[in-house]
Each structure stands twice: as structure tokens, then as C-alpha cells.
Amino acid sequence: MSLEDLQQQAMRIHDLYDELNLQERGRVWTQEEFMLGFVGDVGDLAKLVMAEAGAREMPGGRTALEHELADCLWSVLILAHRYGIDLEAAFRHTMAELDTAISARLPKDDKPL
């Protein structure tokens, strides 16, 4: 599945949530509320990662960890959409910057292969 496919699927769920929230609450989430939801998901993810490492008890095991990672990805895709970010371009640019910065700090191996 491509990033574009993931974004389209994420938007379909986003639109369903908007419809549900309008029906149940008479309003949709703001960008800030999506961010707060993401922060909550990251907190849940942290607890599940600790459980996976044996540092705490959490119900759900690996299935819950997979679910929470997918929730976090969904939130990132939605936030990128809401803020008009080309996530693929931003990711490529950021990875190129990190590659350059990290590589510059690593010792150069002058030995021929």
C-alpha cells in the first residue's frame, strides 16, 4: 500500500468521524483536538511499548501495540492533511537532512574496500 493509499483511507475514516461527531455532538474536531488525540495515542503507545519490554502490565499485548501504532500513523496522516503538508516530500527532505547530519558526525573510513 502506498502513502497515497494510506492517506486516502485515513481521510475516509476522518470523514466518518466528522459525520459521527456532527451527529452525536453537533460539531467536528478542530486541528488542535486532533493533536490532543494524537498525544493521547502516543501516551497509550508508550505504555504498550513498556509492556512489550516487560516493564509494566497492559492488556491487549502485541495486538494492542499494533493497533496503537496504526492509530498514531492515522493521526500523523490527518494532521499532515489538515495543515497542508506534503508528508512524502517532508519525509524525504527530513531523511536527507538527517542522513547528511549523522554521516558528517561519523568517522570516515579511509581504508579501501
Protein backbone atom coordinates (compact mmCIF):
# COMPACT_ATOMS: atom_id res chain seq x y z
CA MET A 1 0.00 0.00 0.00
CA SER A 2 1.43 3.39 -0.98
CA LEU A 3 1.48 6.50 1.17
CA GLU A 4 -1.21 7.97 -1.07
CA ASP A 5 -3.39 4.91 -0.45
CA LEU A 6 -2.86 5.26 3.29
CA GLN A 7 -3.75 8.96 3.13
CA GLN A 8 -6.95 8.24 1.21
CA GLN A 9 -8.00 5.56 3.68
CA ALA A 10 -7.16 7.85 6.60
CA MET A 11 -9.31 10.62 5.11
CA ARG A 12 -12.22 8.22 4.65
CA ILE A 13 -12.10 7.40 8.37
CA HIS A 14 -11.61 11.10 9.18
CA ASP A 15 -14.77 11.93 7.23
CA LEU A 16 -16.70 9.17 9.01
CA TYR A 17 -15.56 10.57 12.38
CA ASP A 18 -16.69 14.04 11.29
CA GLU A 19 -20.11 12.64 10.37
CA LEU A 20 -20.38 10.77 13.67
CA ASN A 21 -19.24 13.76 15.73
CA LEU A 22 -21.72 16.03 13.95
CA GLN A 23 -24.50 13.56 14.67
CA GLU A 24 -23.56 12.94 18.31
CA ARG A 25 -22.07 16.29 19.37
CA GLY A 26 -23.14 18.80 16.73
CA ARG A 27 -19.52 19.64 15.88
CA VAL A 28 -16.32 18.21 14.43
CA TRP A 29 -12.85 18.14 15.93
CA THR A 30 -10.54 21.09 15.41
CA GLN A 31 -6.90 20.69 14.36
CA GLU A 32 -5.92 21.26 17.98
CA GLU A 33 -8.26 18.50 19.16
CA PHE A 34 -6.76 16.11 16.61
CA MET A 35 -3.35 16.97 18.04
CA LEU A 36 -4.56 16.31 21.58
CA GLY A 37 -5.99 12.98 20.44
CA PHE A 38 -2.61 12.13 18.92
CA VAL A 39 -0.84 12.99 22.17
CA GLY A 40 -3.21 10.63 23.99
CA ASP A 41 -2.46 7.90 21.45
CA VAL A 42 1.28 8.44 21.90
CA GLY A 43 0.82 8.08 25.66
CA ASP A 44 -1.02 4.80 25.14
CA LEU A 45 1.70 3.68 22.74
CA ALA A 46 4.38 4.44 25.34
CA LYS A 47 2.61 2.24 27.88
CA LEU A 48 2.28 -0.61 25.36
CA VAL A 49 5.96 -0.36 24.42
CA MET A 50 6.84 -0.58 28.11
CA ALA A 51 4.57 -3.63 28.42
CA GLU A 52 6.23 -5.22 25.38
CA ALA A 53 9.59 -4.74 27.15
CA GLY A 54 8.20 -6.28 30.36
CA ALA A 55 8.36 -3.00 32.31
CA ARG A 56 4.62 -2.80 33.04
CA GLU A 57 1.34 -4.63 32.65
CA MET A 58 -1.03 -3.61 29.87
CA PRO A 59 -3.93 -5.58 28.45
CA GLY A 60 -4.01 -6.43 24.78
CA GLY A 61 -0.42 -7.44 24.18
CA ARG A 62 1.02 -7.25 20.69
CA THR A 63 -2.41 -6.73 19.09
CA ALA A 64 -2.91 -3.58 21.17
CA LEU A 65 0.59 -2.37 20.24
CA GLU A 66 -0.15 -2.85 16.54
CA HIS A 67 -3.47 -1.05 16.93
CA GLU A 68 -1.90 1.92 18.72
CA LEU A 69 0.89 2.26 16.15
CA ALA A 70 -1.76 2.33 13.43
CA ASP A 71 -3.75 4.94 15.40
CA CYS A 72 -0.64 7.11 15.66
CA LEU A 73 0.04 6.78 11.94
CA TRP A 74 -3.57 7.74 11.23
CA SER A 75 -3.20 10.85 13.39
CA VAL A 76 0.01 11.89 11.62
CA LEU A 77 -1.65 11.44 8.22
CA ILE A 78 -4.65 13.51 9.31
CA LEU A 79 -2.54 16.26 10.87
CA ALA A 80 -0.44 16.48 7.69
CA HIS A 81 -3.63 16.81 5.65
CA ARG A 82 -5.15 19.38 8.00
CA TYR A 83 -2.01 21.53 7.85
CA GLY A 84 -1.49 21.11 4.10
CA ILE A 85 1.80 19.21 4.46
CA ASP A 86 3.05 17.01 1.64
CA LEU A 87 4.10 14.26 4.03
CA GLU A 88 6.04 12.26 1.45
CA ALA A 89 8.10 15.29 0.40
CA ALA A 90 8.61 16.36 4.02
CA PHE A 91 9.72 12.85 4.97
CA ARG A 92 12.20 12.61 2.08
CA HIS A 93 13.61 16.06 2.86
CA THR A 94 13.94 15.34 6.58
CA MET A 95 15.60 11.96 5.98
CA ALA A 96 18.10 13.57 3.57
CA GLU A 97 18.92 16.23 6.19
CA LEU A 98 19.36 13.59 8.90
CA ASP A 99 21.50 11.43 6.62
CA THR A 100 23.81 14.36 5.95
CA ALA A 101 23.98 15.48 9.58
CA ILE A 102 24.57 12.00 11.02
CA SER A 103 27.03 10.96 8.31
CA ALA A 104 29.07 14.13 8.95
CA ARG A 105 29.49 13.12 12.59
CA LEU A 106 30.59 9.55 11.87
CA PRO A 107 34.28 8.80 11.41
CA LYS A 108 35.37 8.46 7.82
CA ASP A 109 36.87 5.10 6.90
CA ASP A 110 39.89 5.86 4.71
CA LYS A 111 40.64 2.20 4.07
CA PRO A 112 39.92 0.99 0.52
CA LEU A 113 37.45 -1.88 0.20
